[in-house]
Amino acid sequence: MNKGFTLIELIGTVVILAMLSLLAFPAILNVLDSSNKEVDKQTQNFIKSAASSYFNDHRDDNINEVTVQKLMEEGYISTTIVCNNCELANDKVAKDGLEYNTESGGTCEDTNCSSEDGA
């Protein structure tokens, strides 16, 4: 008697594995998307906290906004801030919240970052 699998058994196994992966793939994408949104939200909170510290330290200077780059230069933020691969260094932080106006054409909204050039 020959040992091994028949062609039908192998094809059946491949079909079952393909169906299982088709069911799991959308769930994995949803988890990745929600985790990216959560990271972006935490990044924004971090920037707001750093800007709040900056405004408290410079309250006598009558400053109403600061760029993320300025926060990094003065040590309020120690790393380059990235929101879903969209660099936020040129974005401005106003006393009343974040303003996303990057010079590179990218814009960051509430919990998502996108760019017109696909970056």
C-alpha atoms as a PDB file:
ATOM      1  CA  MET A   1       0.000   0.000   0.000  1.00  0.00           C
ATOM      2  CA  ASN A   2       1.315   3.435  -0.952  1.00  0.00           C
ATOM      3  CA  LYS A   3       1.826   6.013   1.746  1.00  0.00           C
ATOM      4  CA  GLY A   4       1.032   9.660   1.121  1.00  0.00           C
ATOM      5  CA  PHE A   5      -1.799  11.915   0.135  1.00  0.00           C
ATOM      6  CA  THR A   6      -3.866  11.795  -3.000  1.00  0.00           C
ATOM      7  CA  LEU A   7      -4.209  14.822  -5.248  1.00  0.00           C
ATOM      8  CA  ILE A   8      -7.840  15.277  -4.159  1.00  0.00           C
ATOM      9  CA  GLU A   9      -6.845  15.361  -0.478  1.00  0.00           C
ATOM     10  CA  LEU A  10      -4.160  17.972  -1.141  1.00  0.00           C
ATOM     11  CA  ILE A  11      -6.519  20.147  -3.208  1.00  0.00           C
ATOM     12  CA  GLY A  12      -9.168  19.883  -0.475  1.00  0.00           C
ATOM     13  CA  THR A  13      -6.649  20.972   2.155  1.00  0.00           C
ATOM     14  CA  VAL A  14      -5.545  23.945   0.060  1.00  0.00           C
ATOM     15  CA  VAL A  15      -9.180  24.994  -0.516  1.00  0.00           C
ATOM     16  CA  ILE A  16      -9.977  24.803   3.205  1.00  0.00           C
ATOM     17  CA  LEU A  17      -6.878  26.829   4.094  1.00  0.00           C
ATOM     18  CA  ALA A  18      -7.756  29.435   1.447  1.00  0.00           C
ATOM     19  CA  MET A  19     -11.293  29.823   2.832  1.00  0.00           C
ATOM     20  CA  LEU A  20      -9.981  30.190   6.378  1.00  0.00           C
ATOM     21  CA  SER A  21      -7.498  32.844   5.302  1.00  0.00           C
ATOM     22  CA  LEU A  22     -10.250  34.749   3.450  1.00  0.00           C
ATOM     23  CA  LEU A  23     -12.255  34.825   6.675  1.00  0.00           C
ATOM     24  CA  ALA A  24      -9.303  35.912   8.826  1.00  0.00           C
ATOM     25  CA  PHE A  25      -7.836  38.544   6.497  1.00  0.00           C
ATOM     26  CA  PRO A  26     -10.551  41.241   6.969  1.00  0.00           C
ATOM     27  CA  ALA A  27     -10.441  40.794  10.738  1.00  0.00           C
ATOM     28  CA  ILE A  28      -6.674  41.297  10.761  1.00  0.00           C
ATOM     29  CA  LEU A  29      -7.018  44.441   8.623  1.00  0.00           C
ATOM     30  CA  ASN A  30      -9.622  45.852  11.019  1.00  0.00           C
ATOM     31  CA  VAL A  31      -7.319  45.259  13.985  1.00  0.00           C
ATOM     32  CA  LEU A  32      -4.431  46.984  12.200  1.00  0.00           C
ATOM     33  CA  ASP A  33      -6.604  49.943  11.210  1.00  0.00           C
ATOM     34  CA  SER A  34      -7.987  50.440  14.706  1.00  0.00           C
ATOM     35  CA  SER A  35      -4.517  50.180  16.241  1.00  0.00           C
ATOM     36  CA  ASN A  36      -3.198  52.812  13.799  1.00  0.00           C
ATOM     37  CA  LYS A  37      -6.049  55.137  14.773  1.00  0.00           C
ATOM     38  CA  GLU A  38      -5.302  54.601  18.463  1.00  0.00           C
ATOM     39  CA  VAL A  39      -1.611  55.333  17.931  1.00  0.00           C
ATOM     40  CA  ASP A  40      -2.514  58.525  16.059  1.00  0.00           C
ATOM     41  CA  LYS A  41      -4.817  59.594  18.886  1.00  0.00           C
ATOM     42  CA  GLN A  42      -2.091  58.968  21.453  1.00  0.00           C
ATOM     43  CA  THR A  43       0.402  60.886  19.308  1.00  0.00           C
ATOM     44  CA  GLN A  44      -1.948  63.847  19.189  1.00  0.00           C
ATOM     45  CA  ASN A  45      -2.397  63.714  22.962  1.00  0.00           C
ATOM     46  CA  PHE A  46       1.380  63.631  23.356  1.00  0.00           C
ATOM     47  CA  ILE A  47       1.794  66.670  21.091  1.00  0.00           C
ATOM     48  CA  LYS A  48      -0.940  68.541  22.955  1.00  0.00           C
ATOM     49  CA  SER A  49       0.758  67.787  26.266  1.00  0.00           C
ATOM     50  CA  ALA A  50       4.137  68.997  24.991  1.00  0.00           C
ATOM     51  CA  ALA A  51       2.540  72.145  23.567  1.00  0.00           C
ATOM     52  CA  SER A  52       0.756  72.799  26.851  1.00  0.00           C
ATOM     53  CA  SER A  53       4.084  72.613  28.673  1.00  0.00           C
ATOM     54  CA  TYR A  54       5.616  74.962  26.086  1.00  0.00           C
ATOM     55  CA  PHE A  55       2.788  77.492  26.463  1.00  0.00           C
ATOM     56  CA  ASN A  56       3.045  77.337  30.261  1.00  0.00           C
ATOM     57  CA  ASP A  57       6.789  77.970  30.099  1.00  0.00           C
ATOM     58  CA  HIS A  58       6.368  80.849  27.607  1.00  0.00           C
ATOM     59  CA  ARG A  59       3.152  82.437  28.896  1.00  0.00           C
ATOM     60  CA  ASP A  60       4.848  85.827  29.271  1.00  0.00           C
ATOM     61  CA  ASP A  61       5.850  85.812  25.586  1.00  0.00           C
ATOM     62  CA  ASN A  62       2.210  86.052  24.358  1.00  0.00           C
ATOM     63  CA  ILE A  63       2.630  83.092  21.984  1.00  0.00           C
ATOM     64  CA  ASN A  64      -0.541  81.650  20.434  1.00  0.00           C
ATOM     65  CA  GLU A  65       0.906  78.816  18.351  1.00  0.00           C
ATOM     66  CA  VAL A  66       4.039  76.733  17.990  1.00  0.00           C
ATOM     67  CA  THR A  67       5.226  74.224  15.398  1.00  0.00           C
ATOM     68  CA  VAL A  68       5.989  70.627  16.264  1.00  0.00           C
ATOM     69  CA  GLN A  69       9.501  71.280  14.930  1.00  0.00           C
ATOM     70  CA  LYS A  70       9.957  74.051  17.513  1.00  0.00           C
ATOM     71  CA  LEU A  71       8.800  71.678  20.270  1.00  0.00           C
ATOM     72  CA  MET A  72      11.407  69.158  19.108  1.00  0.00           C
ATOM     73  CA  GLU A  73      14.169  71.788  18.910  1.00  0.00           C
ATOM     74  CA  GLU A  74      13.494  73.043  22.425  1.00  0.00           C
ATOM     75  CA  GLY A  75      13.364  69.560  23.941  1.00  0.00           C
ATOM     76  CA  TYR A  76       9.638  69.279  24.655  1.00  0.00           C
ATOM     77  CA  ILE A  77       9.516  66.370  22.203  1.00  0.00           C
ATOM     78  CA  SER A  78      12.590  64.161  21.921  1.00  0.00           C
ATOM     79  CA  THR A  79      11.744  62.195  18.745  1.00  0.00           C
ATOM     80  CA  THR A  80      10.377  62.908  15.285  1.00  0.00           C
ATOM     81  CA  ILE A  81       6.607  62.657  15.462  1.00  0.00           C
ATOM     82  CA  VAL A  82       4.957  60.578  12.745  1.00  0.00           C
ATOM     83  CA  CYS A  83       1.230  60.074  12.281  1.00  0.00           C
ATOM     84  CA  ASN A  84       0.650  57.057   9.994  1.00  0.00           C
ATOM     85  CA  ASN A  85       3.789  57.831   7.967  1.00  0.00           C
ATOM     86  CA  CYS A  86       2.883  61.535   7.715  1.00  0.00           C
ATOM     87  CA  GLU A  87       5.582  63.635   9.340  1.00  0.00           C
ATOM     88  CA  LEU A  88       4.096  66.320  11.547  1.00  0.00           C
ATOM     89  CA  ALA A  89       7.190  68.492  12.047  1.00  0.00           C
ATOM     90  CA  ASN A  90       5.760  71.471  10.136  1.00  0.00           C
ATOM     91  CA  ASP A  91       2.314  71.308  11.731  1.00  0.00           C
ATOM     92  CA  LYS A  92       1.321  74.081  14.083  1.00  0.00           C
ATOM     93  CA  VAL A  93      -0.137  73.646  17.544  1.00  0.00           C
ATOM     94  CA  ALA A  94      -2.386  76.475  18.704  1.00  0.00           C
ATOM     95  CA  LYS A  95      -3.293  77.136  22.314  1.00  0.00           C
ATOM     96  CA  ASP A  96      -6.827  75.908  21.629  1.00  0.00           C
ATOM     97  CA  GLY A  97      -5.810  72.726  19.772  1.00  0.00           C
ATOM     98  CA  LEU A  98      -3.903  71.202  16.883  1.00  0.00           C
ATOM     99  CA  GLU A  99      -3.834  72.748  13.432  1.00  0.00           C
ATOM    100  CA  TYR A 100      -2.594  70.397  10.737  1.00  0.00           C
ATOM    101  CA  ASN A 101      -1.010  72.435   7.976  1.00  0.00           C
ATOM    102  CA  THR A 102       2.037  70.626   6.693  1.00  0.00           C
ATOM    103  CA  GLU A 103       4.053  72.260   3.952  1.00  0.00           C
ATOM    104  CA  SER A 104       4.434  68.923   2.173  1.00  0.00           C
ATOM    105  CA  GLY A 105       0.718  68.729   1.362  1.00  0.00           C
ATOM    106  CA  GLY A 106      -0.172  66.181   4.028  1.00  0.00           C
ATOM    107  CA  THR A 107      -3.063  66.743   6.353  1.00  0.00           C
ATOM    108  CA  CYS A 108      -3.898  65.017   9.602  1.00  0.00           C
ATOM    109  CA  GLU A 109      -7.449  64.909  10.861  1.00  0.00           C
ATOM    110  CA  ASP A 110      -8.919  63.805  14.204  1.00  0.00           C
ATOM    111  CA  THR A 111      -7.524  60.276  14.348  1.00  0.00           C
ATOM    112  CA  ASN A 112      -6.185  59.646  10.875  1.00  0.00           C
ATOM    113  CA  CYS A 113      -3.383  60.934   8.727  1.00  0.00           C
ATOM    114  CA  SER A 114      -3.441  61.038   4.977  1.00  0.00           C
ATOM    115  CA  SER A 115      -1.565  62.778   2.240  1.00  0.00           C
ATOM    116  CA  GLU A 116      -2.632  63.984  -1.167  1.00  0.00           C
ATOM    117  CA  ASP A 117       0.579  62.678  -2.701  1.00  0.00           C
ATOM    118  CA  GLY A 118       0.014  59.188  -1.293  1.00  0.00           C
ATOM    119  CA  ALA A 119       2.754  59.422   1.316  1.00  0.00           C
END
